[in-house]
Amino acid sequence: MPHRCPHSSCASDPPMSTPGPTVPSSASPTRAPLKALIPLFGSTIVFACLDTTAKAMSYYLPVIEISWFRYVINLLMAMAVLNPMSSPGAWRFKMPGLQIVRALLLTVMTLANFSALHYLQVAETTSIGFLSPMVITLLSVIFLHERIGIRRVVAIVVGFLGVLLITQPGFGTFHPAMLLALTSMLSGAVYNLVTRHLATRVNPGSLVISLAAVPSLLLIPALFVVWETPSSPLMWGLLIFMGAAGGFGHFLVMTAHRFATAATLAPYGYIQLVWTVISGYLVFADIPSIWTLIGAGVVIASGLYLLHRERIVHAQEMAAARL
């Protein structure tokens, strides 16, 4: 299962630099080296700060404008690294239609996530986003005709029950913005499947360029309607920080994946919930409800079990292939 952060910035994107050495096939599938864990933990802090900043900025600027700044700054960073002179392959866009669809999915994911953050606690949106691995597994069955056993089906069902504990529809605590968080999560799940399909078929650099270029261009017409000039140097600085944090977070994730497999690193990504709870409390004085924490625990436990079962099935398939 590919590593999947639950928010708009953390997607399984290719690195903007030349990939490092591949992870040896003999590496332990259950233990991650420290040189992989340090950048991964760093990325969870960066992305928690990014979501917290997006929530704060949503009280002063339109979400469309915030999202545009996030991508246009990321595009400028990508172009600086992957310029046509040093990386001409990054500017040859194979399968352009699917690349555009992929970028549109992430644009929807970002807009929905940032809109949800305006109304919900950061920990709530993060917890709902943790459902993504289960949805990816379910979509793989529907569209890729992958087979899953009854145990993984149960894990998916339990994960959905965990989200119901967080959202509590019909019990007076449900907020319509939770539907935005679910939309963000679903868009991200489909985005990950499309990324999986493209990853081995097109130049990694072109995936980076298209992912930033499409929303940067797509959102320009809407800016003429919603534009509000940031009123202080601090706001300009926070907008720049968001774009830089997105790029730096991707770099940290890709650095971690140079030294360990995605399946090995996936469980450690759940530490992000800790940082979102801390940042939400420090910045907004938000204290997650007991149902949010219980639901998040159920979703995380289901995701970890699902990962465990996929490891077992993969090991069995590898053993059968050797016979």
C-alpha atoms as a PDB file:
ATOM      1  CA  MET A   1       0.000   0.000   0.000  1.00  0.00           C
ATOM      2  CA  PRO A   2       1.523   3.361  -0.968  1.00  0.00           C
ATOM      3  CA  HIS A   3       2.245   5.894   1.670  1.00  0.00           C
ATOM      4  CA  ARG A   4      -0.639   8.317   1.916  1.00  0.00           C
ATOM      5  CA  CYS A   5      -0.817  11.431   4.085  1.00  0.00           C
ATOM      6  CA  PRO A   6      -4.351  12.536   4.687  1.00  0.00           C
ATOM      7  CA  HIS A   7      -4.090  16.106   3.578  1.00  0.00           C
ATOM      8  CA  SER A   8      -3.775  18.041   0.408  1.00  0.00           C
ATOM      9  CA  SER A   9      -0.060  18.417   0.407  1.00  0.00           C
ATOM     10  CA  CYS A  10       1.150  15.006   1.174  1.00  0.00           C
ATOM     11  CA  ALA A  11       0.692  12.851  -1.879  1.00  0.00           C
ATOM     12  CA  SER A  12       2.830  10.124  -3.339  1.00  0.00           C
ATOM     13  CA  ASP A  13       4.610  12.350  -5.798  1.00  0.00           C
ATOM     14  CA  PRO A  14       7.906  11.563  -7.495  1.00  0.00           C
ATOM     15  CA  PRO A  15      10.962  13.423  -6.260  1.00  0.00           C
ATOM     16  CA  MET A  16      12.010  16.639  -7.951  1.00  0.00           C
ATOM     17  CA  SER A  17      15.641  15.560  -7.888  1.00  0.00           C
ATOM     18  CA  THR A  18      17.409  12.506  -9.189  1.00  0.00           C
ATOM     19  CA  PRO A  19      16.189   9.449  -7.287  1.00  0.00           C
ATOM     20  CA  GLY A  20      18.620   7.918  -4.833  1.00  0.00           C
ATOM     21  CA  PRO A  21      19.504   4.311  -4.431  1.00  0.00           C
ATOM     22  CA  THR A  22      16.641   1.882  -4.364  1.00  0.00           C
ATOM     23  CA  VAL A  23      15.747   0.017  -1.211  1.00  0.00           C
ATOM     24  CA  PRO A  24      17.388  -3.397  -1.189  1.00  0.00           C
ATOM     25  CA  SER A  25      14.940  -6.230  -1.639  1.00  0.00           C
ATOM     26  CA  SER A  26      16.484  -7.970   1.327  1.00  0.00           C
ATOM     27  CA  ALA A  27      15.631  -5.134   3.662  1.00  0.00           C
ATOM     28  CA  SER A  28      13.353  -5.991   6.524  1.00  0.00           C
ATOM     29  CA  PRO A  29       9.720  -5.288   5.655  1.00  0.00           C
ATOM     30  CA  THR A  30       8.865  -4.388   9.238  1.00  0.00           C
ATOM     31  CA  ARG A  31      11.769  -2.221  10.402  1.00  0.00           C
ATOM     32  CA  ALA A  32      12.612   1.211   9.031  1.00  0.00           C
ATOM     33  CA  PRO A  33      16.151   2.576   9.420  1.00  0.00           C
ATOM     34  CA  LEU A  34      16.667   5.810  11.300  1.00  0.00           C
ATOM     35  CA  LYS A  35      17.736   7.609   8.113  1.00  0.00           C
ATOM     36  CA  ALA A  36      14.250   6.901   6.762  1.00  0.00           C
ATOM     37  CA  LEU A  37      12.311   7.658   9.941  1.00  0.00           C
ATOM     38  CA  ILE A  38      13.883  11.067  10.624  1.00  0.00           C
ATOM     39  CA  PRO A  39      12.757  12.653   7.319  1.00  0.00           C
ATOM     40  CA  LEU A  40       9.384  10.893   7.527  1.00  0.00           C
ATOM     41  CA  PHE A  41       8.710  12.262  11.016  1.00  0.00           C
ATOM     42  CA  GLY A  42       9.895  15.640   9.782  1.00  0.00           C
ATOM     43  CA  SER A  43       7.369  15.523   6.953  1.00  0.00           C
ATOM     44  CA  THR A  44       4.508  14.817   9.372  1.00  0.00           C
ATOM     45  CA  ILE A  45       5.444  17.938  11.353  1.00  0.00           C
ATOM     46  CA  VAL A  46       5.738  20.028   8.187  1.00  0.00           C
ATOM     47  CA  PHE A  47       2.340  18.889   6.879  1.00  0.00           C
ATOM     48  CA  ALA A  48       0.658  19.443  10.255  1.00  0.00           C
ATOM     49  CA  CYS A  49       2.037  23.002  10.223  1.00  0.00           C
ATOM     50  CA  LEU A  50       0.836  23.429   6.643  1.00  0.00           C
ATOM     51  CA  ASP A  51      -2.738  22.412   7.472  1.00  0.00           C
ATOM     52  CA  THR A  52      -2.726  24.573  10.592  1.00  0.00           C
ATOM     53  CA  THR A  53      -1.514  27.553   8.554  1.00  0.00           C
ATOM     54  CA  ALA A  54      -4.175  26.903   5.890  1.00  0.00           C
ATOM     55  CA  LYS A  55      -6.865  26.911   8.565  1.00  0.00           C
ATOM     56  CA  ALA A  56      -5.589  30.196  10.010  1.00  0.00           C
ATOM     57  CA  MET A  57      -5.359  31.830   6.575  1.00  0.00           C
ATOM     58  CA  SER A  58      -8.911  30.733   5.677  1.00  0.00           C
ATOM     59  CA  TYR A  59     -10.241  33.294   8.163  1.00  0.00           C
ATOM     60  CA  TYR A  60      -8.635  36.138   6.191  1.00  0.00           C
ATOM     61  CA  LEU A  61      -8.454  35.047   2.532  1.00  0.00           C
ATOM     62  CA  PRO A  62     -10.647  32.976   0.184  1.00  0.00           C
ATOM     63  CA  VAL A  63      -9.801  29.288   0.019  1.00  0.00           C
ATOM     64  CA  ILE A  64      -9.335  29.479  -3.756  1.00  0.00           C
ATOM     65  CA  GLU A  65      -6.710  32.188  -3.338  1.00  0.00           C
ATOM     66  CA  ILE A  66      -4.900  30.252  -0.605  1.00  0.00           C
ATOM     67  CA  SER A  67      -4.881  27.124  -2.761  1.00  0.00           C
ATOM     68  CA  TRP A  68      -3.584  29.051  -5.777  1.00  0.00           C
ATOM     69  CA  PHE A  69      -0.671  30.479  -3.805  1.00  0.00           C
ATOM     70  CA  ARG A  70       0.137  27.029  -2.474  1.00  0.00           C
ATOM     71  CA  TYR A  71       0.450  25.620  -6.007  1.00  0.00           C
ATOM     72  CA  VAL A  72       2.006  28.547  -7.835  1.00  0.00           C
ATOM     73  CA  ILE A  73       4.847  28.737  -5.307  1.00  0.00           C
ATOM     74  CA  ASN A  74       5.284  24.987  -5.604  1.00  0.00           C
ATOM     75  CA  LEU A  75       5.391  25.406  -9.405  1.00  0.00           C
ATOM     76  CA  LEU A  76       8.127  28.034  -9.156  1.00  0.00           C
ATOM     77  CA  MET A  77      10.146  25.710  -6.916  1.00  0.00           C
ATOM     78  CA  ALA A  78       9.660  22.800  -9.329  1.00  0.00           C
ATOM     79  CA  MET A  79      10.667  24.914 -12.326  1.00  0.00           C
ATOM     80  CA  ALA A  80      13.813  26.058 -10.531  1.00  0.00           C
ATOM     81  CA  VAL A  81      14.882  22.451  -9.971  1.00  0.00           C
ATOM     82  CA  LEU A  82      13.463  20.903 -13.145  1.00  0.00           C
ATOM     83  CA  ASN A  83      14.284  23.633 -15.646  1.00  0.00           C
ATOM     84  CA  PRO A  84      14.234  22.733 -19.367  1.00  0.00           C
ATOM     85  CA  MET A  85      18.019  22.943 -19.608  1.00  0.00           C
ATOM     86  CA  SER A  86      18.904  20.536 -16.793  1.00  0.00           C
ATOM     87  CA  SER A  87      15.823  18.278 -16.963  1.00  0.00           C
ATOM     88  CA  PRO A  88      14.388  18.316 -20.512  1.00  0.00           C
ATOM     89  CA  GLY A  89      12.581  15.031 -19.894  1.00  0.00           C
ATOM     90  CA  ALA A  90      10.404  16.686 -17.261  1.00  0.00           C
ATOM     91  CA  TRP A  91       8.897  18.875 -19.988  1.00  0.00           C
ATOM     92  CA  ARG A  92       7.848  15.977 -22.226  1.00  0.00           C
ATOM     93  CA  PHE A  93       4.361  15.148 -21.043  1.00  0.00           C
ATOM     94  CA  LYS A  94       3.323  11.606 -21.910  1.00  0.00           C
ATOM     95  CA  MET A  95      -0.307  10.616 -21.282  1.00  0.00           C
ATOM     96  CA  PRO A  96      -1.253  14.308 -20.819  1.00  0.00           C
ATOM     97  CA  GLY A  97      -4.963  13.605 -20.380  1.00  0.00           C
ATOM     98  CA  LEU A  98      -4.416  11.333 -17.400  1.00  0.00           C
ATOM     99  CA  GLN A  99      -1.855  13.738 -15.947  1.00  0.00           C
ATOM    100  CA  ILE A 100      -4.446  16.527 -16.114  1.00  0.00           C
ATOM    101  CA  VAL A 101      -7.062  14.311 -14.467  1.00  0.00           C
ATOM    102  CA  ARG A 102      -4.551  13.526 -11.717  1.00  0.00           C
ATOM    103  CA  ALA A 103      -3.871  17.222 -11.139  1.00  0.00           C
ATOM    104  CA  LEU A 104      -7.598  18.006 -11.123  1.00  0.00           C
ATOM    105  CA  LEU A 105      -8.159  15.334  -8.473  1.00  0.00           C
ATOM    106  CA  LEU A 106      -5.521  16.877  -6.230  1.00  0.00           C
ATOM    107  CA  THR A 107      -6.979  20.344  -6.851  1.00  0.00           C
ATOM    108  CA  VAL A 108     -10.378  19.133  -5.652  1.00  0.00           C
ATOM    109  CA  MET A 109      -8.678  17.474  -2.714  1.00  0.00           C
ATOM    110  CA  THR A 110      -6.921  20.705  -1.742  1.00  0.00           C
ATOM    111  CA  LEU A 111      -9.969  22.956  -2.110  1.00  0.00           C
ATOM    112  CA  ALA A 112     -12.170  20.566  -0.144  1.00  0.00           C
ATOM    113  CA  ASN A 113      -9.574  20.075   2.575  1.00  0.00           C
ATOM    114  CA  PHE A 114      -8.832  23.770   3.039  1.00  0.00           C
ATOM    115  CA  SER A 115     -12.575  24.528   3.068  1.00  0.00           C
ATOM    116  CA  ALA A 116     -13.167  21.836   5.685  1.00  0.00           C
ATOM    117  CA  LEU A 117     -10.338  23.194   7.830  1.00  0.00           C
ATOM    118  CA  HIS A 118     -12.142  26.552   8.042  1.00  0.00           C
ATOM    119  CA  TYR A 119     -14.944  24.891  10.027  1.00  0.00           C
ATOM    120  CA  LEU A 120     -13.409  21.791  11.605  1.00  0.00           C
ATOM    121  CA  GLN A 121     -10.526  21.103  13.914  1.00  0.00           C
ATOM    122  CA  VAL A 122      -7.307  20.111  12.179  1.00  0.00           C
ATOM    123  CA  ALA A 123      -7.369  16.812  14.073  1.00  0.00           C
ATOM    124  CA  GLU A 124     -10.863  16.041  12.747  1.00  0.00           C
ATOM    125  CA  THR A 125      -9.933  16.503   9.089  1.00  0.00           C
ATOM    126  CA  THR A 126      -6.713  14.554   9.599  1.00  0.00           C
ATOM    127  CA  SER A 127      -8.574  11.666  11.238  1.00  0.00           C
ATOM    128  CA  ILE A 128     -11.098  11.460   8.406  1.00  0.00           C
ATOM    129  CA  GLY A 129      -8.216  11.510   5.923  1.00  0.00           C
ATOM    130  CA  PHE A 130      -6.744   8.406   7.552  1.00  0.00           C
ATOM    131  CA  LEU A 131      -9.599   6.448   5.978  1.00  0.00           C
ATOM    132  CA  SER A 132      -7.896   6.827   2.590  1.00  0.00           C
ATOM    133  CA  PRO A 133      -5.869   3.548   2.643  1.00  0.00           C
ATOM    134  CA  MET A 134      -9.074   1.590   3.159  1.00  0.00           C
ATOM    135  CA  VAL A 135     -10.816   3.411   0.305  1.00  0.00           C
ATOM    136  CA  ILE A 136      -7.788   2.836  -1.941  1.00  0.00           C
ATOM    137  CA  THR A 137      -7.999  -0.895  -1.214  1.00  0.00           C
ATOM    138  CA  LEU A 138     -11.731  -0.897  -1.956  1.00  0.00           C
ATOM    139  CA  LEU A 139     -11.270   1.036  -5.222  1.00  0.00           C
ATOM    140  CA  SER A 140      -8.479  -1.356  -6.220  1.00  0.00           C
ATOM    141  CA  VAL A 141     -10.990  -4.191  -5.988  1.00  0.00           C
ATOM    142  CA  ILE A 142     -13.578  -2.323  -8.060  1.00  0.00           C
ATOM    143  CA  PHE A 143     -11.375  -0.841 -10.785  1.00  0.00           C
ATOM    144  CA  LEU A 144      -8.189  -2.932 -10.748  1.00  0.00           C
ATOM    145  CA  HIS A 145      -9.941  -6.244  -9.979  1.00  0.00           C
ATOM    146  CA  GLU A 146      -7.611  -6.987  -7.095  1.00  0.00           C
ATOM    147  CA  ARG A 147      -8.756  -9.665  -4.677  1.00  0.00           C
ATOM    148  CA  ILE A 148      -9.045  -9.182  -0.930  1.00  0.00           C
ATOM    149  CA  GLY A 149      -9.975 -11.657   1.767  1.00  0.00           C
ATOM    150  CA  ILE A 150     -12.705 -11.429   4.371  1.00  0.00           C
ATOM    151  CA  ARG A 151     -10.293 -10.114   7.007  1.00  0.00           C
ATOM    152  CA  ARG A 152      -9.400  -7.077   4.932  1.00  0.00           C
ATOM    153  CA  VAL A 153     -13.083  -6.520   4.147  1.00  0.00           C
ATOM    154  CA  VAL A 154     -13.782  -6.461   7.888  1.00  0.00           C
ATOM    155  CA  ALA A 155     -10.909  -3.995   8.411  1.00  0.00           C
ATOM    156  CA  ILE A 156     -12.403  -1.671   5.782  1.00  0.00           C
ATOM    157  CA  VAL A 157     -15.858  -1.851   7.378  1.00  0.00           C
ATOM    158  CA  VAL A 158     -14.423  -1.151  10.832  1.00  0.00           C
ATOM    159  CA  GLY A 159     -12.526   1.817   9.409  1.00  0.00           C
ATOM    160  CA  PHE A 160     -15.754   3.287   8.056  1.00  0.00           C
ATOM    161  CA  LEU A 161     -17.359   2.772  11.470  1.00  0.00           C
ATOM    162  CA  GLY A 162     -14.481   4.747  12.975  1.00  0.00           C
ATOM    163  CA  VAL A 163     -15.265   7.675  10.682  1.00  0.00           C
ATOM    164  CA  LEU A 164     -18.922   7.454  11.770  1.00  0.00           C
ATOM    165  CA  LEU A 165     -17.737   7.856  15.362  1.00  0.00           C
ATOM    166  CA  ILE A 166     -15.908  11.032  14.329  1.00  0.00           C
ATOM    167  CA  THR A 167     -18.693  12.541  12.225  1.00  0.00           C
ATOM    168  CA  GLN A 168     -21.666  11.211  14.279  1.00  0.00           C
ATOM    169  CA  PRO A 169     -24.360  11.880  11.653  1.00  0.00           C
ATOM    170  CA  GLY A 170     -27.768  12.315  13.205  1.00  0.00           C
ATOM    171  CA  PHE A 171     -26.476  12.997  16.737  1.00  0.00           C
ATOM    172  CA  GLY A 172     -26.344  16.788  16.671  1.00  0.00           C
ATOM    173  CA  THR A 173     -22.559  17.090  16.348  1.00  0.00           C
ATOM    174  CA  PHE A 174     -22.346  16.456  12.597  1.00  0.00           C
ATOM    175  CA  HIS A 175     -21.080  19.461  10.644  1.00  0.00           C
ATOM    176  CA  PRO A 176     -21.673  19.689   6.882  1.00  0.00           C
ATOM    177  CA  ALA A 177     -17.975  20.519   6.462  1.00  0.00           C
ATOM    178  CA  MET A 178     -17.274  16.893   7.344  1.00  0.00           C
ATOM    179  CA  LEU A 179     -18.634  16.089   3.881  1.00  0.00           C
ATOM    180  CA  LEU A 180     -15.893  18.317   2.491  1.00  0.00           C
ATOM    181  CA  ALA A 181     -13.302  16.341   4.453  1.00  0.00           C
ATOM    182  CA  LEU A 182     -14.757  13.114   3.063  1.00  0.00           C
ATOM    183  CA  THR A 183     -14.681  14.589  -0.466  1.00  0.00           C
ATOM    184  CA  SER A 184     -11.038  15.496   0.046  1.00  0.00           C
ATOM    185  CA  MET A 185     -10.250  11.995   1.245  1.00  0.00           C
ATOM    186  CA  LEU A 186     -12.067  10.338  -1.682  1.00  0.00           C
ATOM    187  CA  SER A 187     -10.379  12.596  -4.232  1.00  0.00           C
ATOM    188  CA  GLY A 188      -7.033  11.789  -2.659  1.00  0.00           C
ATOM    189  CA  ALA A 189      -7.716   8.055  -2.815  1.00  0.00           C
ATOM    190  CA  VAL A 190      -8.512   8.177  -6.545  1.00  0.00           C
ATOM    191  CA  TYR A 191      -5.511  10.470  -7.042  1.00  0.00           C
ATOM    192  CA  ASN A 192      -3.257   7.841  -5.477  1.00  0.00           C
ATOM    193  CA  LEU A 193      -4.579   5.137  -7.800  1.00  0.00           C
ATOM    194  CA  VAL A 194      -3.953   7.348 -10.847  1.00  0.00           C
ATOM    195  CA  THR A 195      -0.464   8.166  -9.532  1.00  0.00           C
ATOM    196  CA  ARG A 196       0.245   4.452  -9.114  1.00  0.00           C
ATOM    197  CA  HIS A 197      -0.752   3.920 -12.749  1.00  0.00           C
ATOM    198  CA  LEU A 198       1.382   6.785 -14.079  1.00  0.00           C
ATOM    199  CA  ALA A 199       4.443   6.324 -11.876  1.00  0.00           C
ATOM    200  CA  THR A 200       6.096   3.675 -14.053  1.00  0.00           C
ATOM    201  CA  ARG A 201       4.891   5.036 -17.387  1.00  0.00           C
ATOM    202  CA  VAL A 202       5.925   8.697 -17.492  1.00  0.00           C
ATOM    203  CA  ASN A 203       8.872  10.852 -16.466  1.00  0.00           C
ATOM    204  CA  PRO A 204       8.688  11.601 -12.715  1.00  0.00           C
ATOM    205  CA  GLY A 205       9.607  15.228 -13.351  1.00  0.00           C
ATOM    206  CA  SER A 206       6.645  15.733 -15.654  1.00  0.00           C
ATOM    207  CA  LEU A 207       4.345  14.484 -12.897  1.00  0.00           C
ATOM    208  CA  VAL A 208       5.744  17.143 -10.572  1.00  0.00           C
ATOM    209  CA  ILE A 209       5.420  19.941 -13.148  1.00  0.00           C
ATOM    210  CA  SER A 210       1.902  19.035 -14.264  1.00  0.00           C
ATOM    211  CA  LEU A 211       0.681  18.613 -10.694  1.00  0.00           C
ATOM    212  CA  ALA A 212       1.631  22.205  -9.852  1.00  0.00           C
ATOM    213  CA  ALA A 213       0.964  23.795 -13.258  1.00  0.00           C
ATOM    214  CA  VAL A 214      -2.624  22.620 -13.789  1.00  0.00           C
ATOM    215  CA  PRO A 215      -4.126  24.109 -10.585  1.00  0.00           C
ATOM    216  CA  SER A 216      -1.958  27.223 -10.942  1.00  0.00           C
ATOM    217  CA  LEU A 217      -3.546  27.896 -14.337  1.00  0.00           C
ATOM    218  CA  LEU A 218      -6.991  26.475 -13.575  1.00  0.00           C
ATOM    219  CA  LEU A 219      -7.645  28.712 -10.570  1.00  0.00           C
ATOM    220  CA  ILE A 220      -6.601  31.997 -12.254  1.00  0.00           C
ATOM    221  CA  PRO A 221     -10.105  32.856 -13.615  1.00  0.00           C
ATOM    222  CA  ALA A 222     -11.619  32.377 -10.151  1.00  0.00           C
ATOM    223  CA  LEU A 223      -9.004  34.720  -8.676  1.00  0.00           C
ATOM    224  CA  PHE A 224     -10.522  37.634 -10.606  1.00  0.00           C
ATOM    225  CA  VAL A 225     -13.744  37.038  -8.677  1.00  0.00           C
ATOM    226  CA  VAL A 226     -12.498  36.258  -5.165  1.00  0.00           C
ATOM    227  CA  TRP A 227      -9.138  38.056  -4.979  1.00  0.00           C
ATOM    228  CA  GLU A 228      -8.348  39.859  -1.740  1.00  0.00           C
ATOM    229  CA  THR A 229      -4.901  41.421  -1.396  1.00  0.00           C
ATOM    230  CA  PRO A 230      -3.086  40.121   1.709  1.00  0.00           C
ATOM    231  CA  SER A 231      -3.125  42.948   4.198  1.00  0.00           C
ATOM    232  CA  SER A 232       0.236  42.454   5.936  1.00  0.00           C
ATOM    233  CA  PRO A 233       3.748  41.134   5.386  1.00  0.00           C
ATOM    234  CA  LEU A 234       2.899  38.325   7.816  1.00  0.00           C
ATOM    235  CA  MET A 235       0.097  37.085   5.567  1.00  0.00           C
ATOM    236  CA  TRP A 236       2.380  37.200   2.525  1.00  0.00           C
ATOM    237  CA  GLY A 237       4.980  35.285   4.509  1.00  0.00           C
ATOM    238  CA  LEU A 238       2.489  32.611   5.549  1.00  0.00           C
ATOM    239  CA  LEU A 239       1.337  32.141   1.950  1.00  0.00           C
ATOM    240  CA  ILE A 240       4.937  31.692   0.828  1.00  0.00           C
ATOM    241  CA  PHE A 241       5.519  29.333   3.752  1.00  0.00           C
ATOM    242  CA  MET A 242       2.605  27.149   2.661  1.00  0.00           C
ATOM    243  CA  GLY A 243       3.992  26.685  -0.829  1.00  0.00           C
ATOM    244  CA  ALA A 244       7.504  26.073   0.452  1.00  0.00           C
ATOM    245  CA  ALA A 245       6.245  23.670   3.130  1.00  0.00           C
ATOM    246  CA  GLY A 246       4.403  21.629   0.534  1.00  0.00           C
ATOM    247  CA  GLY A 247       7.540  21.287  -1.580  1.00  0.00           C
ATOM    248  CA  PHE A 248       9.804  20.598   1.395  1.00  0.00           C
ATOM    249  CA  GLY A 249       7.369  18.067   2.804  1.00  0.00           C
ATOM    250  CA  HIS A 250       7.391  16.157  -0.496  1.00  0.00           C
ATOM    251  CA  PHE A 251      11.179  16.210  -0.457  1.00  0.00           C
ATOM    252  CA  LEU A 252      11.270  14.731   3.053  1.00  0.00           C
ATOM    253  CA  VAL A 253       8.790  11.993   2.113  1.00  0.00           C
ATOM    254  CA  MET A 254      10.781  11.067  -0.973  1.00  0.00           C
ATOM    255  CA  THR A 255      14.006  11.060   1.042  1.00  0.00           C
ATOM    256  CA  ALA A 256      12.435   8.610   3.484  1.00  0.00           C
ATOM    257  CA  HIS A 257      11.313   6.380   0.610  1.00  0.00           C
ATOM    258  CA  ARG A 258      14.907   6.142  -0.641  1.00  0.00           C
ATOM    259  CA  PHE A 259      15.793   4.068   2.419  1.00  0.00           C
ATOM    260  CA  ALA A 260      12.628   2.083   3.173  1.00  0.00           C
ATOM    261  CA  THR A 261       9.596   0.742   1.354  1.00  0.00           C
ATOM    262  CA  ALA A 262       6.233   2.499   1.390  1.00  0.00           C
ATOM    263  CA  ALA A 263       4.684  -0.425   3.288  1.00  0.00           C
ATOM    264  CA  THR A 264       7.371  -0.179   5.965  1.00  0.00           C
ATOM    265  CA  LEU A 265       6.910   3.567   6.417  1.00  0.00           C
ATOM    266  CA  ALA A 266       3.109   3.708   6.272  1.00  0.00           C
ATOM    267  CA  PRO A 267       2.407   2.967   9.981  1.00  0.00           C
ATOM    268  CA  TYR A 268       4.714   5.779  11.116  1.00  0.00           C
ATOM    269  CA  GLY A 269       2.716   8.362   9.161  1.00  0.00           C
ATOM    270  CA  TYR A 270      -0.053   8.161  11.746  1.00  0.00           C
ATOM    271  CA  ILE A 271       2.136  10.188  14.109  1.00  0.00           C
ATOM    272  CA  GLN A 272       0.828  13.200  12.208  1.00  0.00           C
ATOM    273  CA  LEU A 273      -2.354  13.064  14.289  1.00  0.00           C
ATOM    274  CA  VAL A 274      -0.276  13.885  17.374  1.00  0.00           C
ATOM    275  CA  TRP A 275       1.154  17.002  15.733  1.00  0.00           C
ATOM    276  CA  THR A 276      -2.256  18.160  14.501  1.00  0.00           C
ATOM    277  CA  VAL A 277      -3.709  17.840  17.991  1.00  0.00           C
ATOM    278  CA  ILE A 278      -0.779  19.843  19.416  1.00  0.00           C
ATOM    279  CA  SER A 279      -0.839  22.532  16.720  1.00  0.00           C
ATOM    280  CA  GLY A 280      -4.631  22.826  16.888  1.00  0.00           C
ATOM    281  CA  TYR A 281      -4.458  23.366  20.632  1.00  0.00           C
ATOM    282  CA  LEU A 282      -1.553  25.846  20.511  1.00  0.00           C
ATOM    283  CA  VAL A 283      -2.964  27.981  17.687  1.00  0.00           C
ATOM    284  CA  PHE A 284      -6.742  27.653  18.038  1.00  0.00           C
ATOM    285  CA  ALA A 285      -7.166  26.227  21.571  1.00  0.00           C
ATOM    286  CA  ASP A 286      -8.956  23.249  19.968  1.00  0.00           C
ATOM    287  CA  ILE A 287      -9.395  20.155  22.097  1.00  0.00           C
ATOM    288  CA  PRO A 288     -10.583  17.093  20.150  1.00  0.00           C
ATOM    289  CA  SER A 289     -13.725  15.468  21.484  1.00  0.00           C
ATOM    290  CA  ILE A 290     -13.519  12.018  22.986  1.00  0.00           C
ATOM    291  CA  TRP A 291     -15.440  10.670  19.976  1.00  0.00           C
ATOM    292  CA  THR A 292     -12.887  12.150  17.585  1.00  0.00           C
ATOM    293  CA  LEU A 293     -10.058  10.468  19.465  1.00  0.00           C
ATOM    294  CA  ILE A 294     -11.874   7.119  19.712  1.00  0.00           C
ATOM    295  CA  GLY A 295     -12.877   7.247  16.051  1.00  0.00           C
ATOM    296  CA  ALA A 296      -9.338   8.163  15.023  1.00  0.00           C
ATOM    297  CA  GLY A 297      -8.037   5.233  17.054  1.00  0.00           C
ATOM    298  CA  VAL A 298     -10.454   2.854  15.313  1.00  0.00           C
ATOM    299  CA  VAL A 299      -9.500   4.171  11.861  1.00  0.00           C
ATOM    300  CA  ILE A 300      -5.778   3.932  12.616  1.00  0.00           C
ATOM    301  CA  ALA A 301      -6.103   0.422  14.068  1.00  0.00           C
ATOM    302  CA  SER A 302      -8.041  -0.678  10.973  1.00  0.00           C
ATOM    303  CA  GLY A 303      -5.432   0.835   8.689  1.00  0.00           C
ATOM    304  CA  LEU A 304      -2.589  -0.867  10.542  1.00  0.00           C
ATOM    305  CA  TYR A 305      -4.361  -4.220  10.416  1.00  0.00           C
ATOM    306  CA  LEU A 306      -5.054  -3.771   6.729  1.00  0.00           C
ATOM    307  CA  LEU A 307      -1.370  -3.063   6.176  1.00  0.00           C
ATOM    308  CA  HIS A 308      -0.455  -6.144   8.219  1.00  0.00           C
ATOM    309  CA  ARG A 309      -2.737  -8.366   6.136  1.00  0.00           C
ATOM    310  CA  GLU A 310      -1.350  -6.982   2.884  1.00  0.00           C
ATOM    311  CA  ARG A 311       2.167  -7.803   4.064  1.00  0.00           C
ATOM    312  CA  ILE A 312       1.129 -11.364   4.839  1.00  0.00           C
ATOM    313  CA  VAL A 313      -0.594 -11.802   1.473  1.00  0.00           C
ATOM    314  CA  HIS A 314       2.417 -10.321  -0.329  1.00  0.00           C
ATOM    315  CA  ALA A 315       4.773 -12.700   1.514  1.00  0.00           C
ATOM    316  CA  GLN A 316       2.568 -15.663   0.584  1.00  0.00           C
ATOM    317  CA  GLU A 317       2.517 -14.602  -3.075  1.00  0.00           C
ATOM    318  CA  MET A 318       6.312 -14.238  -3.095  1.00  0.00           C
ATOM    319  CA  ALA A 319       6.730 -17.672  -1.508  1.00  0.00           C
ATOM    320  CA  ALA A 320       4.355 -19.229  -4.063  1.00  0.00           C
ATOM    321  CA  ALA A 321       6.266 -17.596  -6.916  1.00  0.00           C
ATOM    322  CA  ARG A 322       9.499 -19.274  -5.781  1.00  0.00           C
ATOM    323  CA  LEU A 323       7.936 -22.754  -5.969  1.00  0.00           C
END
